[in-house]
Amino acid sequence: MGCAYTDTAGKHSPLYGIMLDSIPIYGAYGDNGVAPADLDECGGHTDATYSFYHYHVTANLAPPYVIRCFRGCVFNANGNPSMSSISGLIKTDATCVKAAK
């Protein structure tokens, strides 16, 4: 059994999944098959391939592996009170990024 996705040399990694905040997460590589150097505090950015905000898994397979916080909108911790107690994990309505349609 192989990986959940397969990278193509010189290309942006394919879609890995959709996070709880409805923001897509892609594999480790961004434009031209290079690991992004401009990820924000949550592990996301916009780039030439995908002009909407999106996350990337970590290129070095080191913790946190996926993202550090949710940049998209998550309200009332989606019914999970334990999530709302983790400081900085969920952005407020004023700072969240709306998912691309």
N, C-alpha and C. Protein backbone atom coordinates (compact mmCIF):
# COMPACT_ATOMS: atom_id res chain seq x y z
N MET A 1 0.85 -1.17 0.00
CA MET A 1 0.00 0.00 0.00
C MET A 1 0.89 1.23 0.00
N GLY A 2 0.59 2.20 -0.84
CA GLY A 2 1.40 3.40 -0.98
C GLY A 2 0.91 4.55 -0.14
N CYS A 3 1.40 5.72 -0.46
CA CYS A 3 1.02 6.95 0.24
C CYS A 3 -0.41 7.33 -0.07
N ALA A 4 -0.93 8.28 0.70
CA ALA A 4 -2.28 8.78 0.47
C ALA A 4 -2.34 9.61 -0.81
N TYR A 5 -1.23 10.13 -1.25
CA TYR A 5 -1.16 10.89 -2.49
C TYR A 5 0.22 10.70 -3.08
N THR A 6 0.37 11.04 -4.35
CA THR A 6 1.65 10.92 -5.03
C THR A 6 2.06 12.27 -5.60
N ASP A 7 3.25 12.74 -5.24
CA ASP A 7 3.77 13.98 -5.78
C ASP A 7 4.35 13.73 -7.17
N THR A 8 4.25 14.76 -8.02
CA THR A 8 4.87 14.74 -9.34
C THR A 8 6.00 15.76 -9.31
N ALA A 9 7.20 15.33 -9.68
CA ALA A 9 8.36 16.22 -9.65
C ALA A 9 8.08 17.52 -10.41
N GLY A 10 8.43 18.65 -9.78
CA GLY A 10 8.28 19.95 -10.40
C GLY A 10 6.87 20.53 -10.35
N LYS A 11 5.95 19.85 -9.68
CA LYS A 11 4.55 20.31 -9.61
C LYS A 11 4.12 20.51 -8.16
N HIS A 12 3.09 21.32 -7.99
CA HIS A 12 2.47 21.52 -6.68
C HIS A 12 1.90 20.17 -6.22
N SER A 13 2.05 19.86 -4.95
CA SER A 13 1.47 18.63 -4.41
C SER A 13 -0.04 18.62 -4.60
N PRO A 14 -0.62 17.43 -4.75
CA PRO A 14 -2.07 17.34 -4.89
C PRO A 14 -2.79 17.53 -3.55
N LEU A 15 -4.09 17.61 -3.64
CA LEU A 15 -4.93 17.75 -2.45
C LEU A 15 -4.74 16.56 -1.53
N TYR A 16 -4.53 16.83 -0.26
CA TYR A 16 -4.35 15.80 0.76
C TYR A 16 -5.65 15.59 1.51
N GLY A 17 -6.41 16.66 1.71
CA GLY A 17 -7.67 16.57 2.42
C GLY A 17 -8.26 17.93 2.67
N ILE A 18 -9.34 17.95 3.45
CA ILE A 18 -10.00 19.18 3.85
C ILE A 18 -9.99 19.21 5.37
N MET A 19 -9.52 20.30 5.94
CA MET A 19 -9.44 20.40 7.40
C MET A 19 -10.80 20.77 8.00
N LEU A 20 -10.91 20.68 9.30
CA LEU A 20 -12.15 20.95 10.03
C LEU A 20 -12.72 22.33 9.72
N ASP A 21 -11.84 23.28 9.40
CA ASP A 21 -12.28 24.64 9.12
C ASP A 21 -12.64 24.85 7.64
N SER A 22 -12.73 23.77 6.89
CA SER A 22 -13.10 23.76 5.46
C SER A 22 -12.01 24.30 4.53
N ILE A 23 -10.81 24.48 5.04
CA ILE A 23 -9.68 24.93 4.21
C ILE A 23 -8.96 23.68 3.69
N PRO A 24 -8.65 23.63 2.38
CA PRO A 24 -7.96 22.47 1.84
C PRO A 24 -6.51 22.39 2.33
N ILE A 25 -6.02 21.16 2.43
CA ILE A 25 -4.61 20.93 2.78
C ILE A 25 -4.00 20.10 1.66
N TYR A 26 -2.84 20.56 1.22
CA TYR A 26 -2.12 19.89 0.14
C TYR A 26 -0.88 19.22 0.69
N GLY A 27 -0.24 18.39 -0.13
CA GLY A 27 0.99 17.74 0.26
C GLY A 27 2.08 18.76 0.57
N ALA A 28 3.28 18.29 0.76
CA ALA A 28 4.38 19.11 1.27
C ALA A 28 4.92 20.16 0.29
N TYR A 29 4.66 20.00 -1.00
CA TYR A 29 5.31 20.86 -1.98
C TYR A 29 4.37 21.88 -2.61
N GLY A 30 4.89 23.08 -2.81
CA GLY A 30 4.12 24.17 -3.42
C GLY A 30 4.50 24.35 -4.87
N ASP A 31 4.49 25.59 -5.32
CA ASP A 31 4.82 25.91 -6.70
C ASP A 31 6.13 25.28 -7.13
N ASN A 32 6.15 24.75 -8.34
CA ASN A 32 7.35 24.15 -8.96
C ASN A 32 7.92 22.99 -8.16
N GLY A 33 7.11 22.36 -7.31
CA GLY A 33 7.57 21.20 -6.56
C GLY A 33 8.54 21.52 -5.44
N VAL A 34 8.52 22.76 -4.95
CA VAL A 34 9.42 23.20 -3.89
C VAL A 34 8.61 23.42 -2.60
N ALA A 35 9.17 23.00 -1.46
CA ALA A 35 8.49 23.22 -0.18
C ALA A 35 8.34 24.72 0.06
N PRO A 36 7.14 25.20 0.39
CA PRO A 36 6.93 26.63 0.59
C PRO A 36 7.74 27.17 1.77
N ALA A 37 8.30 28.35 1.59
CA ALA A 37 9.08 29.00 2.65
C ALA A 37 8.29 30.13 3.30
N ASP A 38 7.07 30.36 2.82
CA ASP A 38 6.29 31.50 3.31
C ASP A 38 5.02 31.10 4.06
N LEU A 39 5.00 29.93 4.67
CA LEU A 39 3.81 29.50 5.41
C LEU A 39 3.61 30.37 6.64
N ASP A 40 2.36 30.67 6.95
CA ASP A 40 2.06 31.49 8.14
C ASP A 40 2.10 30.63 9.41
N GLU A 41 1.68 31.23 10.52
CA GLU A 41 1.76 30.54 11.81
C GLU A 41 0.91 29.28 11.87
N CYS A 42 -0.09 29.17 10.99
CA CYS A 42 -0.95 27.98 10.99
C CYS A 42 -0.45 26.92 10.00
N GLY A 43 0.44 27.29 9.10
CA GLY A 43 0.95 26.33 8.12
C GLY A 43 0.30 26.47 6.75
N GLY A 44 -0.18 27.67 6.43
CA GLY A 44 -0.83 27.89 5.15
C GLY A 44 -0.36 29.15 4.46
N HIS A 45 -0.85 29.34 3.23
CA HIS A 45 -0.51 30.52 2.43
C HIS A 45 -1.34 30.50 1.15
N THR A 46 -1.09 31.45 0.27
CA THR A 46 -1.58 31.42 -1.10
C THR A 46 -0.35 31.36 -2.00
N ASP A 47 -0.50 30.82 -3.18
CA ASP A 47 0.64 30.76 -4.10
C ASP A 47 0.15 30.90 -5.53
N ALA A 48 1.05 30.82 -6.49
CA ALA A 48 0.69 31.01 -7.89
C ALA A 48 -0.21 29.89 -8.42
N THR A 49 -0.03 28.68 -7.92
CA THR A 49 -0.83 27.55 -8.39
C THR A 49 -2.26 27.63 -7.86
N TYR A 50 -2.40 27.94 -6.56
CA TYR A 50 -3.71 28.06 -5.92
C TYR A 50 -3.77 29.42 -5.23
N SER A 51 -4.51 30.34 -5.83
CA SER A 51 -4.54 31.71 -5.32
C SER A 51 -5.41 31.87 -4.08
N PHE A 52 -6.08 30.81 -3.65
CA PHE A 52 -6.85 30.85 -2.41
C PHE A 52 -6.00 30.31 -1.26
N TYR A 53 -6.36 30.70 -0.04
CA TYR A 53 -5.62 30.25 1.14
C TYR A 53 -5.74 28.73 1.27
N HIS A 54 -4.62 28.07 1.55
CA HIS A 54 -4.61 26.62 1.75
C HIS A 54 -3.43 26.24 2.65
N TYR A 55 -3.54 25.08 3.26
CA TYR A 55 -2.49 24.55 4.13
C TYR A 55 -1.61 23.56 3.36
N HIS A 56 -0.44 23.27 3.95
CA HIS A 56 0.44 22.20 3.45
C HIS A 56 0.84 21.31 4.62
N VAL A 57 0.99 20.01 4.36
CA VAL A 57 1.59 19.14 5.37
C VAL A 57 3.07 19.52 5.46
N THR A 58 3.72 19.17 6.54
CA THR A 58 5.13 19.55 6.70
C THR A 58 6.03 18.75 5.77
N ALA A 59 7.00 19.43 5.19
CA ALA A 59 7.91 18.80 4.23
C ALA A 59 8.89 17.84 4.89
N ASN A 60 9.24 18.11 6.13
CA ASN A 60 10.25 17.28 6.79
C ASN A 60 9.66 16.16 7.64
N LEU A 61 8.36 15.97 7.55
CA LEU A 61 7.65 14.94 8.31
C LEU A 61 7.97 15.02 9.81
N ALA A 62 8.02 16.23 10.30
CA ALA A 62 8.25 16.48 11.72
C ALA A 62 6.98 17.08 12.32
N PRO A 63 6.79 16.92 13.62
CA PRO A 63 5.60 17.51 14.25
C PRO A 63 5.54 19.00 13.94
N PRO A 64 4.39 19.55 13.69
CA PRO A 64 3.05 19.02 13.92
C PRO A 64 2.48 18.21 12.77
N TYR A 65 3.22 17.88 11.75
CA TYR A 65 2.83 17.07 10.60
C TYR A 65 1.82 17.76 9.69
N VAL A 66 0.76 18.31 10.23
CA VAL A 66 -0.22 18.98 9.36
C VAL A 66 -0.26 20.47 9.65
N ILE A 67 -1.07 20.94 10.56
CA ILE A 67 -1.18 22.38 10.81
C ILE A 67 -1.00 22.68 12.29
N ARG A 68 -0.72 23.95 12.60
CA ARG A 68 -0.53 24.38 13.99
C ARG A 68 -1.79 25.00 14.58
N CYS A 69 -2.65 25.53 13.72
CA CYS A 69 -3.90 26.15 14.16
C CYS A 69 -4.84 26.19 12.97
N PHE A 70 -6.09 26.48 13.23
CA PHE A 70 -7.08 26.63 12.16
C PHE A 70 -7.15 28.10 11.77
N ARG A 71 -6.88 28.41 10.53
CA ARG A 71 -6.97 29.77 10.04
C ARG A 71 -8.36 30.05 9.49
N GLY A 72 -9.04 29.00 9.08
CA GLY A 72 -10.41 29.13 8.59
C GLY A 72 -11.37 29.34 9.75
N CYS A 73 -12.62 29.48 9.43
CA CYS A 73 -13.63 29.79 10.45
C CYS A 73 -14.17 28.51 11.09
N VAL A 74 -13.99 28.39 12.38
CA VAL A 74 -14.54 27.29 13.16
C VAL A 74 -15.30 27.94 14.30
N PHE A 75 -16.60 27.77 14.30
CA PHE A 75 -17.43 28.43 15.31
C PHE A 75 -17.87 27.44 16.37
N ASN A 76 -17.85 27.87 17.62
CA ASN A 76 -18.26 27.05 18.76
C ASN A 76 -17.52 25.72 18.79
N ALA A 77 -16.31 25.70 18.26
CA ALA A 77 -15.47 24.50 18.21
C ALA A 77 -16.24 23.31 17.64
N ASN A 78 -17.23 23.59 16.77
CA ASN A 78 -18.05 22.54 16.15
C ASN A 78 -18.57 21.53 17.17
N GLY A 79 -18.94 22.04 18.33
CA GLY A 79 -19.52 21.18 19.35
C GLY A 79 -18.51 20.42 20.17
N ASN A 80 -17.23 20.71 19.99
CA ASN A 80 -16.19 20.01 20.74
C ASN A 80 -15.58 20.97 21.76
N PRO A 81 -16.08 20.95 23.00
CA PRO A 81 -15.60 21.91 23.99
C PRO A 81 -14.11 21.79 24.30
N SER A 82 -13.52 20.63 24.11
CA SER A 82 -12.09 20.47 24.43
C SER A 82 -11.23 21.28 23.47
N MET A 83 -11.68 21.49 22.24
CA MET A 83 -10.91 22.27 21.27
C MET A 83 -10.87 23.74 21.64
N SER A 84 -11.96 24.26 22.15
CA SER A 84 -12.01 25.69 22.45
C SER A 84 -11.12 26.06 23.62
N SER A 85 -10.66 25.08 24.39
CA SER A 85 -9.81 25.37 25.53
C SER A 85 -8.33 25.47 25.16
N ILE A 86 -7.97 25.14 23.92
CA ILE A 86 -6.57 25.19 23.49
C ILE A 86 -6.29 26.58 22.94
N SER A 87 -5.51 27.35 23.64
CA SER A 87 -5.24 28.74 23.27
C SER A 87 -4.59 28.84 21.89
N GLY A 88 -5.14 29.71 21.04
CA GLY A 88 -4.56 29.97 19.74
C GLY A 88 -4.93 28.98 18.66
N LEU A 89 -5.62 27.90 18.98
CA LEU A 89 -5.94 26.89 17.98
C LEU A 89 -7.00 27.39 17.00
N ILE A 90 -7.98 28.11 17.51
CA ILE A 90 -9.09 28.56 16.69
C ILE A 90 -9.06 30.08 16.59
N LYS A 91 -9.02 30.59 15.38
CA LYS A 91 -9.01 32.03 15.15
C LYS A 91 -10.42 32.58 15.38
N THR A 92 -10.53 33.84 15.73
CA THR A 92 -11.82 34.47 15.96
C THR A 92 -12.46 34.84 14.62
N ASP A 93 -13.72 35.21 14.64
CA ASP A 93 -14.41 35.59 13.42
C ASP A 93 -13.70 36.74 12.71
N ALA A 94 -13.10 37.63 13.46
CA ALA A 94 -12.41 38.78 12.88
C ALA A 94 -11.12 38.39 12.17
N THR A 95 -10.51 37.27 12.52
CA THR A 95 -9.23 36.89 11.93
C THR A 95 -9.28 35.64 11.07
N CYS A 96 -10.43 34.97 11.00
CA CYS A 96 -10.48 33.73 10.22
C CYS A 96 -10.58 34.01 8.73
N VAL A 97 -10.18 33.05 7.94
CA VAL A 97 -10.21 33.12 6.48
C VAL A 97 -11.39 32.30 6.01
N LYS A 98 -12.24 32.87 5.18
CA LYS A 98 -13.38 32.13 4.64
C LYS A 98 -12.89 31.13 3.62
N ALA A 99 -13.46 29.92 3.62
CA ALA A 99 -13.07 28.88 2.68
C ALA A 99 -13.42 29.30 1.26
N ALA A 100 -12.58 28.89 0.29
CA ALA A 100 -12.84 29.18 -1.12
C ALA A 100 -14.06 28.40 -1.58
N LYS A 101 -14.84 28.98 -2.46
CA LYS A 101 -16.04 28.30 -2.96
C LYS A 101 -15.74 27.62 -4.26
